[in-house]
N, C-alpha and C. Protein backbone atom coordinates (compact mmCIF):
# COMPACT_ATOMS: atom_id res chain seq x y z
N MET A 1 -10.48 -1.44 -15.96
CA MET A 1 -9.98 -1.26 -14.61
C MET A 1 -9.67 0.22 -14.41
N ASN A 2 -10.09 0.76 -13.29
CA ASN A 2 -9.78 2.15 -12.98
C ASN A 2 -8.64 2.22 -11.96
N ARG A 3 -8.21 3.42 -11.62
CA ARG A 3 -7.09 3.60 -10.70
C ARG A 3 -7.41 3.06 -9.31
N ASN A 4 -8.64 3.18 -8.89
CA ASN A 4 -9.05 2.67 -7.58
C ASN A 4 -8.85 1.16 -7.51
N THR A 5 -9.25 0.46 -8.54
CA THR A 5 -9.07 -0.99 -8.61
C THR A 5 -7.58 -1.33 -8.68
N ALA A 6 -6.83 -0.58 -9.46
CA ALA A 6 -5.39 -0.80 -9.57
C ALA A 6 -4.71 -0.62 -8.22
N ARG A 7 -5.14 0.37 -7.46
CA ARG A 7 -4.56 0.63 -6.14
C ARG A 7 -4.85 -0.54 -5.19
N ARG A 8 -6.04 -1.10 -5.28
CA ARG A 8 -6.37 -2.26 -4.44
C ARG A 8 -5.53 -3.48 -4.83
N ILE A 9 -5.30 -3.67 -6.10
CA ILE A 9 -4.43 -4.76 -6.56
C ILE A 9 -3.01 -4.51 -6.06
N LEU A 10 -2.55 -3.27 -6.12
CA LEU A 10 -1.23 -2.93 -5.61
C LEU A 10 -1.13 -3.26 -4.13
N MET A 11 -2.13 -2.86 -3.34
CA MET A 11 -2.11 -3.15 -1.91
C MET A 11 -2.10 -4.65 -1.66
N GLN A 12 -2.92 -5.40 -2.38
CA GLN A 12 -2.95 -6.85 -2.21
C GLN A 12 -1.61 -7.47 -2.61
N SER A 13 -0.96 -6.90 -3.61
CA SER A 13 0.35 -7.40 -4.04
C SER A 13 1.42 -7.10 -3.00
N ILE A 14 1.35 -5.94 -2.37
CA ILE A 14 2.28 -5.60 -1.29
C ILE A 14 2.04 -6.50 -0.08
N PHE A 15 0.79 -6.80 0.19
CA PHE A 15 0.45 -7.76 1.25
C PHE A 15 1.07 -9.12 0.94
N GLU A 16 0.92 -9.58 -0.30
CA GLU A 16 1.48 -10.86 -0.72
C GLU A 16 3.00 -10.84 -0.68
N MET A 17 3.60 -9.71 -1.08
CA MET A 17 5.05 -9.57 -1.04
C MET A 17 5.56 -9.78 0.39
N ASP A 18 4.86 -9.22 1.36
CA ASP A 18 5.24 -9.39 2.76
C ASP A 18 5.13 -10.85 3.17
N ALA A 19 4.06 -11.51 2.76
CA ALA A 19 3.85 -12.91 3.14
C ALA A 19 4.89 -13.83 2.49
N ARG A 20 5.23 -13.54 1.25
CA ARG A 20 6.17 -14.39 0.53
C ARG A 20 7.63 -14.00 0.74
N GLY A 21 7.86 -12.76 1.18
CA GLY A 21 9.22 -12.30 1.44
C GLY A 21 9.95 -11.75 0.24
N SER A 22 9.25 -11.60 -0.89
CA SER A 22 9.91 -11.12 -2.10
C SER A 22 8.88 -10.64 -3.11
N ALA A 23 9.21 -9.55 -3.79
CA ALA A 23 8.32 -9.04 -4.84
C ALA A 23 8.31 -9.98 -6.05
N GLU A 24 9.41 -10.69 -6.26
CA GLU A 24 9.50 -11.60 -7.40
C GLU A 24 8.54 -12.78 -7.28
N GLU A 25 8.14 -13.08 -6.05
CA GLU A 25 7.23 -14.19 -5.81
C GLU A 25 5.76 -13.81 -5.99
N VAL A 26 5.48 -12.52 -6.13
CA VAL A 26 4.10 -12.04 -6.24
C VAL A 26 3.56 -12.32 -7.63
N ASN A 27 2.35 -12.88 -7.70
CA ASN A 27 1.70 -13.17 -8.97
C ASN A 27 0.45 -12.30 -9.08
N ILE A 28 0.54 -11.23 -9.87
CA ILE A 28 -0.60 -10.32 -10.02
C ILE A 28 -1.54 -10.74 -11.15
N GLU A 29 -1.14 -11.72 -11.92
CA GLU A 29 -1.94 -12.12 -13.09
C GLU A 29 -3.39 -12.46 -12.77
N PRO A 30 -3.67 -13.27 -11.75
CA PRO A 30 -5.09 -13.58 -11.48
C PRO A 30 -5.91 -12.33 -11.13
N LEU A 31 -5.31 -11.41 -10.38
CA LEU A 31 -6.02 -10.18 -10.02
C LEU A 31 -6.27 -9.30 -11.24
N LEU A 32 -5.28 -9.26 -12.14
CA LEU A 32 -5.44 -8.47 -13.37
C LEU A 32 -6.52 -9.06 -14.27
N GLU A 33 -6.53 -10.37 -14.41
CA GLU A 33 -7.53 -11.03 -15.24
C GLU A 33 -8.93 -10.81 -14.68
N GLU A 34 -9.06 -10.93 -13.38
CA GLU A 34 -10.35 -10.77 -12.72
C GLU A 34 -10.88 -9.34 -12.85
N SER A 35 -9.97 -8.36 -12.87
CA SER A 35 -10.37 -6.95 -12.87
C SER A 35 -10.48 -6.35 -14.26
N GLY A 36 -10.07 -7.07 -15.27
CA GLY A 36 -10.10 -6.52 -16.62
C GLY A 36 -8.77 -5.83 -16.90
N ARG A 37 -8.06 -6.33 -17.85
CA ARG A 37 -6.71 -5.85 -18.12
C ARG A 37 -6.75 -4.43 -18.66
N ASP A 38 -5.78 -3.63 -18.24
CA ASP A 38 -5.63 -2.25 -18.69
C ASP A 38 -4.13 -1.95 -18.60
N SER A 39 -3.48 -1.76 -19.73
CA SER A 39 -2.02 -1.63 -19.74
C SER A 39 -1.54 -0.43 -18.93
N LEU A 40 -2.27 0.67 -18.94
CA LEU A 40 -1.87 1.85 -18.17
C LEU A 40 -1.91 1.55 -16.68
N GLN A 41 -2.97 0.90 -16.22
CA GLN A 41 -3.09 0.57 -14.80
C GLN A 41 -2.11 -0.54 -14.40
N GLU A 42 -1.86 -1.47 -15.30
CA GLU A 42 -0.87 -2.52 -15.02
C GLU A 42 0.51 -1.90 -14.82
N GLU A 43 0.85 -0.93 -15.65
CA GLU A 43 2.13 -0.23 -15.52
C GLU A 43 2.22 0.46 -14.16
N TYR A 44 1.13 1.12 -13.75
CA TYR A 44 1.07 1.77 -12.44
C TYR A 44 1.32 0.76 -11.32
N ILE A 45 0.66 -0.40 -11.39
CA ILE A 45 0.81 -1.42 -10.36
C ILE A 45 2.25 -1.92 -10.30
N ILE A 46 2.79 -2.28 -11.43
CA ILE A 46 4.15 -2.84 -11.48
C ILE A 46 5.17 -1.80 -11.01
N ARG A 47 5.04 -0.56 -11.48
CA ARG A 47 5.97 0.50 -11.09
C ARG A 47 5.94 0.73 -9.58
N ASN A 48 4.74 0.80 -9.00
CA ASN A 48 4.64 1.07 -7.57
C ASN A 48 4.97 -0.14 -6.71
N LEU A 49 4.74 -1.34 -7.21
CA LEU A 49 5.17 -2.54 -6.49
C LEU A 49 6.70 -2.57 -6.44
N ARG A 50 7.34 -2.23 -7.54
CA ARG A 50 8.80 -2.16 -7.58
C ARG A 50 9.30 -1.06 -6.63
N ASN A 51 8.62 0.10 -6.63
CA ASN A 51 9.00 1.17 -5.69
C ASN A 51 8.91 0.70 -4.25
N ALA A 52 7.85 -0.03 -3.92
CA ALA A 52 7.68 -0.54 -2.56
C ALA A 52 8.78 -1.55 -2.23
N ALA A 53 9.05 -2.46 -3.14
CA ALA A 53 10.07 -3.49 -2.89
C ALA A 53 11.46 -2.87 -2.76
N ASP A 54 11.79 -1.96 -3.66
CA ASP A 54 13.12 -1.35 -3.66
C ASP A 54 13.36 -0.44 -2.46
N ASN A 55 12.32 0.11 -1.90
CA ASN A 55 12.45 1.08 -0.81
C ASN A 55 11.78 0.62 0.48
N LEU A 56 11.56 -0.68 0.60
CA LEU A 56 10.81 -1.22 1.73
C LEU A 56 11.43 -0.85 3.08
N GLU A 57 12.72 -0.94 3.19
CA GLU A 57 13.38 -0.61 4.46
C GLU A 57 13.14 0.85 4.84
N GLU A 58 13.28 1.75 3.89
CA GLU A 58 13.03 3.18 4.15
C GLU A 58 11.56 3.44 4.46
N ILE A 59 10.68 2.80 3.73
CA ILE A 59 9.24 2.96 3.96
C ILE A 59 8.89 2.51 5.37
N ASP A 60 9.41 1.35 5.77
CA ASP A 60 9.12 0.85 7.12
C ASP A 60 9.71 1.74 8.20
N LYS A 61 10.88 2.33 7.96
CA LYS A 61 11.45 3.27 8.93
C LYS A 61 10.56 4.49 9.09
N MET A 62 10.04 5.00 7.98
CA MET A 62 9.13 6.15 8.05
C MET A 62 7.89 5.79 8.86
N ILE A 63 7.34 4.61 8.60
CA ILE A 63 6.14 4.17 9.32
C ILE A 63 6.46 3.98 10.80
N ASP A 64 7.56 3.28 11.09
CA ASP A 64 7.96 3.04 12.49
C ASP A 64 8.17 4.35 13.25
N ASN A 65 8.77 5.33 12.61
CA ASN A 65 9.05 6.60 13.27
C ASN A 65 7.79 7.38 13.61
N CYS A 66 6.71 7.11 12.92
CA CYS A 66 5.48 7.88 13.11
C CYS A 66 4.36 7.10 13.79
N ALA A 67 4.51 5.80 13.92
CA ALA A 67 3.47 4.97 14.52
C ALA A 67 3.67 4.92 16.04
N GLU A 68 2.82 5.62 16.75
CA GLU A 68 2.92 5.64 18.20
C GLU A 68 2.51 4.28 18.77
N LYS A 69 3.36 3.72 19.61
CA LYS A 69 3.12 2.45 20.30
C LYS A 69 2.99 1.26 19.35
N TRP A 70 3.40 1.42 18.12
CA TRP A 70 3.36 0.33 17.14
C TRP A 70 4.67 0.31 16.38
N ASP A 71 4.99 -0.81 15.82
CA ASP A 71 6.04 -0.89 14.82
C ASP A 71 5.57 -1.86 13.74
N THR A 72 6.27 -1.87 12.64
CA THR A 72 5.79 -2.65 11.49
C THR A 72 5.74 -4.15 11.77
N LYS A 73 6.52 -4.62 12.74
CA LYS A 73 6.51 -6.05 13.05
C LYS A 73 5.26 -6.46 13.82
N ARG A 74 4.65 -5.54 14.55
CA ARG A 74 3.46 -5.84 15.36
C ARG A 74 2.16 -5.36 14.74
N MET A 75 2.26 -4.55 13.72
CA MET A 75 1.09 -3.94 13.10
C MET A 75 0.26 -5.00 12.36
N PRO A 76 -1.07 -4.87 12.37
CA PRO A 76 -1.89 -5.79 11.56
C PRO A 76 -1.43 -5.75 10.10
N LYS A 77 -1.32 -6.91 9.49
CA LYS A 77 -0.74 -7.01 8.15
C LYS A 77 -1.52 -6.24 7.09
N ALA A 78 -2.83 -6.20 7.20
CA ALA A 78 -3.61 -5.42 6.23
C ALA A 78 -3.31 -3.93 6.38
N ASP A 79 -3.26 -3.44 7.62
CA ASP A 79 -2.94 -2.03 7.86
C ASP A 79 -1.54 -1.70 7.34
N LEU A 80 -0.60 -2.59 7.58
CA LEU A 80 0.76 -2.37 7.12
C LEU A 80 0.82 -2.31 5.59
N ALA A 81 0.13 -3.22 4.92
CA ALA A 81 0.12 -3.21 3.45
C ALA A 81 -0.51 -1.93 2.92
N ILE A 82 -1.56 -1.46 3.57
CA ILE A 82 -2.22 -0.22 3.16
C ILE A 82 -1.29 0.97 3.34
N ALA A 83 -0.62 1.03 4.50
CA ALA A 83 0.31 2.13 4.76
C ALA A 83 1.47 2.10 3.77
N ARG A 84 2.03 0.93 3.54
CA ARG A 84 3.14 0.81 2.59
C ARG A 84 2.72 1.25 1.19
N THR A 85 1.51 0.90 0.81
CA THR A 85 0.99 1.30 -0.50
C THR A 85 0.96 2.81 -0.63
N ALA A 86 0.38 3.47 0.36
CA ALA A 86 0.26 4.94 0.32
C ALA A 86 1.63 5.61 0.31
N VAL A 87 2.54 5.13 1.12
CA VAL A 87 3.88 5.73 1.18
C VAL A 87 4.62 5.49 -0.14
N ALA A 88 4.54 4.28 -0.66
CA ALA A 88 5.24 3.97 -1.91
C ALA A 88 4.73 4.84 -3.05
N GLU A 89 3.41 4.97 -3.16
CA GLU A 89 2.88 5.71 -4.31
C GLU A 89 3.00 7.21 -4.16
N SER A 90 3.11 7.73 -2.93
CA SER A 90 3.24 9.18 -2.79
C SER A 90 4.69 9.64 -2.63
N CYS A 91 5.51 8.86 -1.92
CA CYS A 91 6.91 9.27 -1.72
C CYS A 91 7.81 8.83 -2.87
N TYR A 92 7.49 7.73 -3.52
CA TYR A 92 8.34 7.20 -4.59
C TYR A 92 7.62 7.18 -5.93
N GLY A 93 6.38 7.60 -5.94
CA GLY A 93 5.59 7.68 -7.16
C GLY A 93 5.09 9.10 -7.35
N ASP A 94 4.02 9.24 -8.11
CA ASP A 94 3.53 10.58 -8.43
C ASP A 94 2.13 10.85 -7.90
N THR A 95 1.68 10.06 -6.94
CA THR A 95 0.36 10.26 -6.36
C THR A 95 0.41 11.36 -5.31
N PRO A 96 -0.46 12.37 -5.42
CA PRO A 96 -0.49 13.42 -4.39
C PRO A 96 -0.77 12.83 -3.00
N LYS A 97 -0.14 13.39 -2.00
CA LYS A 97 -0.26 12.87 -0.64
C LYS A 97 -1.70 12.80 -0.15
N ALA A 98 -2.48 13.83 -0.41
CA ALA A 98 -3.88 13.84 0.04
C ALA A 98 -4.67 12.71 -0.60
N VAL A 99 -4.40 12.43 -1.85
CA VAL A 99 -5.08 11.34 -2.55
C VAL A 99 -4.66 10.00 -1.95
N ALA A 100 -3.37 9.84 -1.70
CA ALA A 100 -2.87 8.58 -1.12
C ALA A 100 -3.50 8.33 0.24
N ILE A 101 -3.60 9.36 1.06
CA ILE A 101 -4.20 9.21 2.39
C ILE A 101 -5.67 8.85 2.28
N ASN A 102 -6.41 9.60 1.47
CA ASN A 102 -7.84 9.34 1.31
C ASN A 102 -8.11 7.93 0.80
N GLU A 103 -7.37 7.50 -0.20
CA GLU A 103 -7.56 6.16 -0.75
C GLU A 103 -7.16 5.09 0.27
N ALA A 104 -6.13 5.35 1.06
CA ALA A 104 -5.71 4.39 2.08
C ALA A 104 -6.79 4.23 3.15
N VAL A 105 -7.41 5.33 3.55
CA VAL A 105 -8.49 5.27 4.53
C VAL A 105 -9.66 4.45 3.98
N GLU A 106 -9.98 4.64 2.72
CA GLU A 106 -11.05 3.86 2.11
C GLU A 106 -10.71 2.37 2.06
N MET A 107 -9.45 2.04 1.75
CA MET A 107 -9.05 0.64 1.76
C MET A 107 -9.09 0.07 3.17
N ALA A 108 -8.74 0.89 4.16
CA ALA A 108 -8.78 0.43 5.56
C ALA A 108 -10.20 0.09 5.98
N LYS A 109 -11.18 0.83 5.47
CA LYS A 109 -12.58 0.53 5.76
C LYS A 109 -12.97 -0.83 5.19
N GLU A 110 -12.41 -1.16 4.05
CA GLU A 110 -12.75 -2.41 3.36
C GLU A 110 -11.95 -3.60 3.88
N PHE A 111 -10.65 -3.42 4.11
CA PHE A 111 -9.77 -4.54 4.41
C PHE A 111 -9.31 -4.61 5.87
N GLY A 112 -9.42 -3.53 6.60
CA GLY A 112 -8.90 -3.49 7.96
C GLY A 112 -9.95 -3.76 9.01
N GLY A 113 -9.56 -3.56 10.25
CA GLY A 113 -10.46 -3.74 11.37
C GLY A 113 -11.24 -2.47 11.65
N ASP A 114 -12.00 -2.49 12.74
CA ASP A 114 -12.84 -1.35 13.09
C ASP A 114 -12.06 -0.06 13.30
N ASN A 115 -10.87 -0.16 13.87
CA ASN A 115 -10.05 1.03 14.16
C ASN A 115 -9.07 1.38 13.05
N SER A 116 -9.02 0.57 12.02
CA SER A 116 -8.04 0.76 10.95
C SER A 116 -8.16 2.11 10.22
N PRO A 117 -9.36 2.56 9.85
CA PRO A 117 -9.42 3.83 9.13
C PRO A 117 -8.83 5.00 9.92
N ARG A 118 -9.15 5.06 11.20
CA ARG A 118 -8.63 6.15 12.04
C ARG A 118 -7.11 6.00 12.22
N PHE A 119 -6.66 4.77 12.45
CA PHE A 119 -5.23 4.51 12.61
C PHE A 119 -4.46 4.90 11.35
N ILE A 120 -4.93 4.46 10.19
CA ILE A 120 -4.27 4.75 8.91
C ILE A 120 -4.25 6.25 8.64
N ASN A 121 -5.36 6.92 8.89
CA ASN A 121 -5.44 8.36 8.66
C ASN A 121 -4.41 9.10 9.52
N GLY A 122 -4.35 8.77 10.81
CA GLY A 122 -3.41 9.42 11.70
C GLY A 122 -1.97 9.11 11.36
N LEU A 123 -1.70 7.85 11.08
CA LEU A 123 -0.34 7.43 10.74
C LEU A 123 0.15 8.12 9.47
N LEU A 124 -0.65 8.04 8.42
CA LEU A 124 -0.22 8.63 7.15
C LEU A 124 -0.17 10.14 7.21
N GLY A 125 -1.03 10.75 8.04
CA GLY A 125 -0.96 12.19 8.23
C GLY A 125 0.40 12.61 8.75
N LYS A 126 0.99 11.79 9.60
CA LYS A 126 2.33 12.06 10.14
C LYS A 126 3.42 11.69 9.14
N VAL A 127 3.32 10.52 8.54
CA VAL A 127 4.36 10.04 7.63
C VAL A 127 4.48 10.94 6.40
N LEU A 128 3.35 11.33 5.86
CA LEU A 128 3.37 12.08 4.58
C LEU A 128 3.35 13.58 4.76
N LYS A 129 3.52 14.04 5.98
CA LYS A 129 3.51 15.48 6.28
C LYS A 129 4.71 16.18 5.70
């Protein structure tokens, strides 16, 4: 498993955390098994999932403050999970902001709607500035 795959698992876990209402309810085991286990990448996923869960209120405030005409309650769930992933790994982790934005845009192309890449790029450009 490479970092790109680990980041996608992290985003999917943050999406699941939102759906279940708790990070403790998230089960990353099937995704890890499917992607090939790698202890370094697993540590990255767990650390950043914890960062997202522990700082979710602050992360959402940052997103809300920068999302024009949107807030986290109305935002498409995939876009929200992607944005939370980028903010968690760059503001509370050690991922450079430019890398977090670029990777988030790529995930938006894969998981979001037609306008998601542009929306994520603009939003994160403001949040991570």
